[in-house]
């Protein structure tokens, strides 16, 4: 699959992940009255799982990781951890800089997700899904 198509599909997966991430963090903070920092940890795990499932079956469908699904998911979480650090750092900076965002943490989550997208695509494509699938 061509790089441009992969990037486009990865972006769709990113939007799915953003909806899961921002929706979860907003719901936990607004309705369940969770701390926005702790809520973001839960929302990230759910979003990372959603993006892994999308990218495994769509974006990188013609590539293999050479791992079992569980090992692949754990590797995905580890690799996405680099992007998560970028994502979470921006999230925290925005919350600390703009107290209004405590009521609207989804906006800070969206900014963090956008900043981490390039890091995540590079590690997913270059490290995890880099081998062609073998014909069965």
Protein backbone atom coordinates (compact mmCIF):
# COMPACT_ATOMS: atom_id res chain seq x y z
CA UNK A 1 0.00 0.00 0.00
CA UNK A 2 1.28 3.46 -0.83
CA UNK A 3 2.46 5.81 1.89
CA UNK A 4 -0.24 8.40 1.14
CA UNK A 5 -3.04 5.84 1.46
CA UNK A 6 -1.54 4.54 4.70
CA UNK A 7 -1.29 8.06 6.08
CA UNK A 8 -4.92 8.72 5.16
CA UNK A 9 -6.15 5.51 6.78
CA UNK A 10 -3.97 6.22 9.82
CA UNK A 11 -5.59 9.65 10.05
CA UNK A 12 -9.06 8.05 10.01
CA UNK A 13 -7.90 5.76 12.82
CA UNK A 14 -6.63 8.84 14.61
CA UNK A 15 -10.04 10.50 14.37
CA UNK A 16 -11.62 7.35 15.77
CA UNK A 17 -9.07 7.37 18.59
CA UNK A 18 -9.65 11.07 19.22
CA UNK A 19 -13.40 10.52 19.50
CA UNK A 20 -12.86 7.69 21.97
CA UNK A 21 -10.20 9.65 23.87
CA UNK A 22 -11.96 13.01 24.03
CA UNK A 23 -15.40 11.47 24.60
CA UNK A 24 -14.16 9.30 27.44
CA UNK A 25 -12.16 12.03 29.19
CA UNK A 26 -15.04 14.50 28.85
CA UNK A 27 -17.57 11.99 30.19
CA UNK A 28 -15.40 10.94 33.12
CA UNK A 29 -14.69 14.56 34.12
CA UNK A 30 -18.11 16.12 33.47
CA UNK A 31 -20.42 13.32 34.53
CA UNK A 32 -18.40 11.10 36.85
CA UNK A 33 -16.42 14.01 38.38
CA UNK A 34 -13.06 12.30 37.89
CA UNK A 35 -9.77 14.14 38.13
CA UNK A 36 -8.91 15.19 34.53
CA UNK A 37 -5.38 13.77 34.81
CA UNK A 38 -6.49 10.32 35.91
CA UNK A 39 -9.38 10.35 33.43
CA UNK A 40 -6.89 10.92 30.63
CA UNK A 41 -5.00 7.72 31.48
CA UNK A 42 -8.18 5.66 31.07
CA UNK A 43 -9.21 7.52 27.92
CA UNK A 44 -5.76 6.97 26.38
CA UNK A 45 -5.87 3.21 26.98
CA UNK A 46 -9.29 2.94 25.36
CA UNK A 47 -8.30 5.16 22.44
CA UNK A 48 -5.03 3.29 21.87
CA UNK A 49 -6.93 0.01 21.78
CA UNK A 50 -9.40 1.41 19.25
CA UNK A 51 -6.62 2.76 17.02
CA UNK A 52 -4.68 -0.50 17.22
CA UNK A 53 -7.74 -2.46 16.07
CA UNK A 54 -8.40 -0.04 13.18
CA UNK A 55 -4.80 0.13 12.03
CA UNK A 56 -4.20 -3.60 12.32
CA UNK A 57 -7.18 -4.39 10.10
CA UNK A 58 -7.23 -1.38 7.76
CA UNK A 59 -4.12 0.81 7.59
CA UNK A 60 -1.56 -1.97 7.84
CA UNK A 61 -3.75 -4.85 6.61
CA UNK A 62 -1.09 -5.91 4.08
CA UNK A 63 1.72 -5.84 6.66
CA UNK A 64 2.52 -8.09 9.60
CA UNK A 65 4.13 -7.55 12.95
CA UNK A 66 5.12 -11.20 13.39
CA UNK A 67 3.47 -11.23 16.83
CA UNK A 68 0.37 -12.74 18.37
CA UNK A 69 -2.54 -10.27 18.69
CA UNK A 70 -1.88 -9.82 22.43
CA UNK A 71 1.85 -9.29 21.94
CA UNK A 72 1.14 -6.95 19.03
CA UNK A 73 -1.33 -4.90 21.13
CA UNK A 74 1.20 -4.65 23.98
CA UNK A 75 3.92 -3.60 21.52
CA UNK A 76 1.48 -1.06 20.03
CA UNK A 77 0.83 0.38 23.50
CA UNK A 78 4.56 0.60 24.14
CA UNK A 79 5.27 2.35 20.86
CA UNK A 80 2.30 4.65 21.22
CA UNK A 81 3.66 5.50 24.67
CA UNK A 82 6.21 7.77 23.00
CA UNK A 83 3.40 9.65 21.26
CA UNK A 84 1.42 9.52 24.50
CA UNK A 85 4.20 11.35 26.31
CA UNK A 86 4.08 14.13 23.72
CA UNK A 87 0.28 14.05 23.84
CA UNK A 88 0.01 14.09 27.64
CA UNK A 89 2.71 16.75 28.08
CA UNK A 90 0.82 19.14 25.82
CA UNK A 91 -2.45 18.22 27.57
CA UNK A 92 -0.97 19.11 30.97
CA UNK A 93 0.63 22.34 29.71
CA UNK A 94 -2.68 23.45 28.23
CA UNK A 95 -4.63 22.61 31.39
CA UNK A 96 -2.12 24.49 33.53
CA UNK A 97 -1.99 27.45 31.15
CA UNK A 98 -5.73 27.76 30.54
CA UNK A 99 -7.83 26.91 33.63
CA UNK A 100 -11.01 27.11 31.53
CA UNK A 101 -9.92 23.82 29.94
CA UNK A 102 -10.57 22.02 33.23
CA UNK A 103 -14.23 22.20 32.25
CA UNK A 104 -13.46 21.28 28.61
CA UNK A 105 -10.56 18.80 28.76
CA UNK A 106 -11.57 17.33 25.40
CA UNK A 107 -10.08 20.43 23.72
CA UNK A 108 -6.73 19.87 25.41
CA UNK A 109 -6.93 16.16 24.54
CA UNK A 110 -7.50 17.04 20.88
CA UNK A 111 -4.46 19.31 20.78
CA UNK A 112 -2.30 16.63 22.37
CA UNK A 113 -3.55 14.00 19.94
CA UNK A 114 -2.74 16.17 16.93
CA UNK A 115 0.80 16.80 18.16
CA UNK A 116 1.46 13.09 18.67
CA UNK A 117 0.04 11.89 15.33
CA UNK A 118 3.30 12.09 13.37
CA UNK A 119 5.26 10.31 16.08
CA UNK A 120 2.66 7.55 16.25
CA UNK A 121 2.50 7.00 12.49
CA UNK A 122 6.27 6.82 12.20
CA UNK A 123 6.65 4.26 14.96
CA UNK A 124 3.69 2.16 13.82
CA UNK A 125 4.87 2.00 10.22
CA UNK A 126 8.59 1.89 10.82
CA UNK A 127 8.79 -0.42 13.82
CA UNK A 128 5.69 -2.58 14.29
CA UNK A 129 4.06 -3.05 10.87
CA UNK A 130 7.00 -3.20 8.51
CA UNK A 131 6.91 -6.70 7.05
CA UNK A 132 4.69 -7.85 4.19
CA UNK A 133 2.19 -10.53 5.14
CA UNK A 134 3.01 -13.98 3.89
CA UNK A 135 0.59 -15.69 1.52
CA UNK A 136 -1.21 -18.59 3.14
